[in-house]
Amino acid sequence: MNEVTGSLSRECERRLTNLYTEHHKWLLQAAYKVTKNKLESEDLCSELYEWLHKKKNPKLFWGDSYNIMYCSKYLKCRYLNKTKKLNRTTYVETIFDTNEEDIEYDTEKDLLIQIAFDNVMGELKRLESTKMWASSKIFQLYFFSDKTLDKVAADIKISKSTTYLAVKKIKEHLNQLLDSPFNDKQK
């Protein structure tokens, strides 16, 4: 840390300037040794300078600049991490098999699903005015949210078994009363 100003950021800026003026050519050569490409080596060096500027770590200081060995290791590791990341991504060409026939979207089944959903919602509304209103509300809390049975039971402060039995009771009631469009065998 600079004894005169006491500012770590000013000291880091001074050391970064020294690093650039005294060792930039050497760092470019070290980066080129790793990348074998002039543009990539310049990019790596600029990333190093940017990282050192953001880091502001006095443990990296050496003499009146930064630790050169640390900087060269950073360049090597950064390049290797970049190439590993790029090599992990594989692009697969999409191949369309022209022998298969296109299956048209089944709008009739879609309408049946919408009708079934509307019937379920209507039945749940109707059950709210009967003695099964509590089970209907618990079923709605569970089925129309991302909550688990345990979370629903904890939210309304009842036992897990009561929650399970209420949901099971409504499911069985709906299965007996309504026709499911998913039970039909596909053509």
Protein backbone atom coordinates (compact mmCIF):
# COMPACT_ATOMS: atom_id res chain seq x y z
CA MET A 1 0.00 0.00 0.00
CA ASN A 2 1.20 3.47 -0.77
CA GLU A 3 2.44 5.11 2.44
CA VAL A 4 1.87 8.64 1.19
CA THR A 5 -1.73 8.42 -0.01
CA GLY A 6 -2.91 5.27 1.76
CA SER A 7 -5.04 4.37 -1.19
CA LEU A 8 -4.94 0.79 -2.41
CA SER A 9 -6.63 1.62 -5.69
CA ARG A 10 -4.06 4.30 -6.55
CA GLU A 11 -1.25 1.90 -5.69
CA CYS A 12 -2.80 -0.77 -7.91
CA GLU A 13 -3.12 1.69 -10.78
CA ARG A 14 0.53 2.71 -10.37
CA ARG A 15 1.66 -0.92 -10.32
CA LEU A 16 -0.52 -1.74 -13.32
CA THR A 17 1.07 1.13 -15.23
CA ASN A 18 4.52 -0.18 -14.28
CA LEU A 19 3.54 -3.68 -15.36
CA TYR A 20 2.41 -2.39 -18.73
CA THR A 21 5.42 -0.18 -19.39
CA GLU A 22 8.06 -2.66 -18.19
CA HIS A 23 6.64 -6.10 -18.99
CA HIS A 24 3.95 -5.75 -21.66
CA LYS A 25 6.17 -7.09 -24.44
CA TRP A 26 7.21 -10.07 -22.31
CA LEU A 27 3.58 -10.81 -21.39
CA LEU A 28 2.58 -10.67 -25.07
CA GLN A 29 5.33 -13.16 -25.87
CA ALA A 30 4.25 -15.44 -23.02
CA ALA A 31 0.66 -15.30 -24.24
CA TYR A 32 1.72 -15.93 -27.84
CA LYS A 33 3.70 -18.95 -26.67
CA VAL A 34 0.48 -20.41 -25.31
CA THR A 35 -2.01 -19.33 -27.97
CA LYS A 36 0.10 -19.32 -31.15
CA ASN A 37 -2.04 -16.40 -32.32
CA LYS A 38 -1.20 -12.70 -32.07
CA LEU A 39 -4.79 -11.46 -31.70
CA GLU A 40 -5.62 -14.00 -29.01
CA SER A 41 -2.44 -13.15 -27.13
CA GLU A 42 -3.38 -9.46 -27.15
CA ASP A 43 -6.87 -10.33 -25.91
CA LEU A 44 -5.43 -12.45 -23.12
CA CYS A 45 -3.11 -9.65 -22.02
CA SER A 46 -5.94 -7.14 -21.99
CA GLU A 47 -8.03 -9.57 -19.92
CA LEU A 48 -5.12 -9.88 -17.50
CA TYR A 49 -4.86 -6.11 -17.10
CA GLU A 50 -8.59 -5.81 -16.64
CA TRP A 51 -8.64 -8.61 -14.06
CA LEU A 52 -5.74 -7.12 -12.09
CA HIS A 53 -7.46 -3.74 -12.13
CA LYS A 54 -10.69 -5.23 -10.74
CA LYS A 55 -8.99 -7.57 -8.25
CA LYS A 56 -6.85 -4.99 -6.40
CA ASN A 57 -5.06 -7.71 -4.42
CA PRO A 58 -1.86 -6.58 -2.60
CA LYS A 59 -0.77 -10.23 -2.35
CA LEU A 60 -0.01 -10.10 -6.09
CA PHE A 61 2.45 -7.22 -5.70
CA TRP A 62 6.11 -7.85 -6.42
CA GLY A 63 8.68 -5.10 -6.35
CA ASP A 64 7.13 -2.00 -7.91
CA SER A 65 4.81 -4.01 -10.18
CA TYR A 66 2.90 -7.29 -10.08
CA ASN A 67 4.29 -10.80 -9.78
CA ILE A 68 5.28 -11.70 -13.36
CA MET A 69 5.17 -15.45 -12.77
CA TYR A 70 1.64 -15.15 -11.47
CA CYS A 71 0.68 -13.13 -14.56
CA SER A 72 2.14 -15.73 -16.92
CA LYS A 73 0.30 -18.55 -15.09
CA TYR A 74 -2.90 -16.52 -15.29
CA LEU A 75 -2.48 -16.18 -19.07
CA LYS A 76 -1.93 -19.90 -19.48
CA CYS A 77 -4.82 -20.95 -17.25
CA ARG A 78 -7.20 -18.43 -18.77
CA TYR A 79 -6.41 -19.68 -22.28
CA LEU A 80 -6.79 -23.33 -21.28
CA ASN A 81 -10.12 -22.65 -19.57
CA LYS A 82 -11.38 -20.83 -22.65
CA THR A 83 -10.40 -23.64 -25.01
CA LYS A 84 -11.89 -26.28 -22.70
CA LYS A 85 -15.14 -24.35 -22.58
CA LEU A 86 -15.24 -23.96 -26.35
CA ASN A 87 -14.41 -27.65 -26.87
CA ARG A 88 -17.18 -28.73 -24.51
CA THR A 89 -19.81 -27.25 -26.78
CA THR A 90 -20.48 -29.50 -29.71
CA TYR A 91 -22.81 -28.47 -32.43
CA VAL A 92 -24.93 -31.25 -33.86
CA GLU A 93 -26.29 -30.84 -37.31
CA THR A 94 -30.01 -31.47 -37.49
CA ILE A 95 -30.82 -34.15 -40.00
CA PHE A 96 -34.36 -34.51 -41.24
CA ASP A 97 -35.46 -37.96 -42.24
CA THR A 98 -37.65 -37.51 -45.28
CA ASN A 99 -38.99 -41.08 -45.08
CA GLU A 100 -41.25 -40.24 -42.13
CA GLU A 101 -44.59 -38.62 -42.70
CA ASP A 102 -45.39 -35.44 -40.83
CA ILE A 103 -47.94 -35.95 -38.09
CA GLU A 104 -50.50 -33.19 -38.09
CA TYR A 105 -51.35 -31.44 -34.86
CA ASP A 106 -54.44 -32.97 -33.31
CA THR A 107 -56.66 -29.96 -32.65
CA GLU A 108 -59.57 -32.22 -31.71
CA LYS A 109 -57.60 -33.75 -28.86
CA ASP A 110 -56.45 -30.29 -27.83
CA LEU A 111 -60.09 -29.18 -27.62
CA LEU A 112 -60.94 -32.31 -25.59
CA ILE A 113 -58.15 -31.45 -23.14
CA GLN A 114 -59.45 -27.88 -22.80
CA ILE A 115 -62.99 -29.15 -22.23
CA ALA A 116 -61.73 -31.63 -19.61
CA PHE A 117 -59.85 -28.84 -17.83
CA ASP A 118 -62.94 -26.64 -17.84
CA ASN A 119 -64.99 -29.56 -16.46
CA VAL A 120 -62.46 -30.11 -13.66
CA MET A 121 -62.52 -26.43 -12.77
CA GLY A 122 -66.34 -26.39 -12.81
CA GLU A 123 -66.55 -29.47 -10.61
CA LEU A 124 -64.04 -28.01 -8.15
CA LYS A 125 -66.14 -24.82 -7.96
CA ARG A 126 -69.27 -26.91 -7.43
CA LEU A 127 -67.57 -28.92 -4.67
CA GLU A 128 -66.81 -25.69 -2.80
CA SER A 129 -70.52 -25.41 -1.98
CA THR A 130 -70.77 -28.99 -0.66
CA LYS A 131 -69.34 -30.75 2.37
CA MET A 132 -66.25 -31.60 0.27
CA TRP A 133 -65.25 -27.92 0.14
CA ALA A 134 -62.18 -28.39 2.37
CA SER A 135 -60.82 -31.23 0.25
CA SER A 136 -61.49 -29.18 -2.89
CA LYS A 137 -59.51 -26.22 -1.54
CA ILE A 138 -56.59 -28.44 -0.47
CA PHE A 139 -56.58 -30.10 -3.89
CA GLN A 140 -56.50 -26.69 -5.59
CA LEU A 141 -53.64 -25.53 -3.35
CA TYR A 142 -51.64 -28.62 -4.27
CA PHE A 143 -52.54 -29.17 -7.89
CA PHE A 144 -52.43 -25.60 -9.22
CA SER A 145 -49.12 -24.63 -7.62
CA ASP A 146 -45.52 -25.84 -7.53
CA LYS A 147 -45.84 -26.85 -3.89
CA THR A 148 -45.32 -30.37 -2.61
CA LEU A 149 -47.80 -32.10 -0.34
CA ASP A 150 -45.47 -31.43 2.59
CA LYS A 151 -45.31 -27.71 1.75
CA VAL A 152 -49.11 -27.46 1.38
CA ALA A 153 -49.58 -29.21 4.73
CA ALA A 154 -47.09 -26.88 6.40
CA ASP A 155 -48.67 -23.77 4.85
CA ILE A 156 -52.17 -24.54 6.09
CA LYS A 157 -50.92 -26.19 9.31
CA ILE A 158 -52.52 -29.62 8.96
CA SER A 159 -50.97 -33.07 8.94
CA LYS A 160 -49.41 -34.54 5.83
CA SER A 161 -51.73 -37.54 5.92
CA THR A 162 -54.80 -35.30 5.99
CA THR A 163 -53.47 -33.40 3.00
CA TYR A 164 -52.73 -36.63 1.14
CA LEU A 165 -56.17 -38.09 1.89
CA ALA A 166 -57.93 -34.88 0.78
CA VAL A 167 -56.04 -34.81 -2.53
CA LYS A 168 -56.62 -38.52 -3.06
CA LYS A 169 -60.35 -38.14 -2.33
CA ILE A 170 -60.76 -35.35 -4.90
CA LYS A 171 -58.68 -37.21 -7.52
CA GLU A 172 -60.84 -40.31 -7.17
CA HIS A 173 -64.00 -38.21 -7.30
CA LEU A 174 -62.83 -36.47 -10.48
CA ASN A 175 -61.75 -39.76 -12.10
CA GLN A 176 -65.16 -41.31 -11.45
CA LEU A 177 -67.13 -38.30 -12.55
CA LEU A 178 -65.23 -36.97 -15.57
CA ASP A 179 -63.86 -38.58 -18.71
CA SER A 180 -60.17 -38.04 -19.35
CA PRO A 181 -59.03 -37.32 -22.91
CA PHE A 182 -55.77 -39.13 -22.09
CA ASN A 183 -57.50 -42.48 -21.63
CA ASP A 184 -58.29 -42.74 -25.35
CA LYS A 185 -55.88 -44.90 -27.29
CA GLN A 186 -54.09 -43.05 -30.03
CA LYS A 187 -55.04 -43.95 -33.57
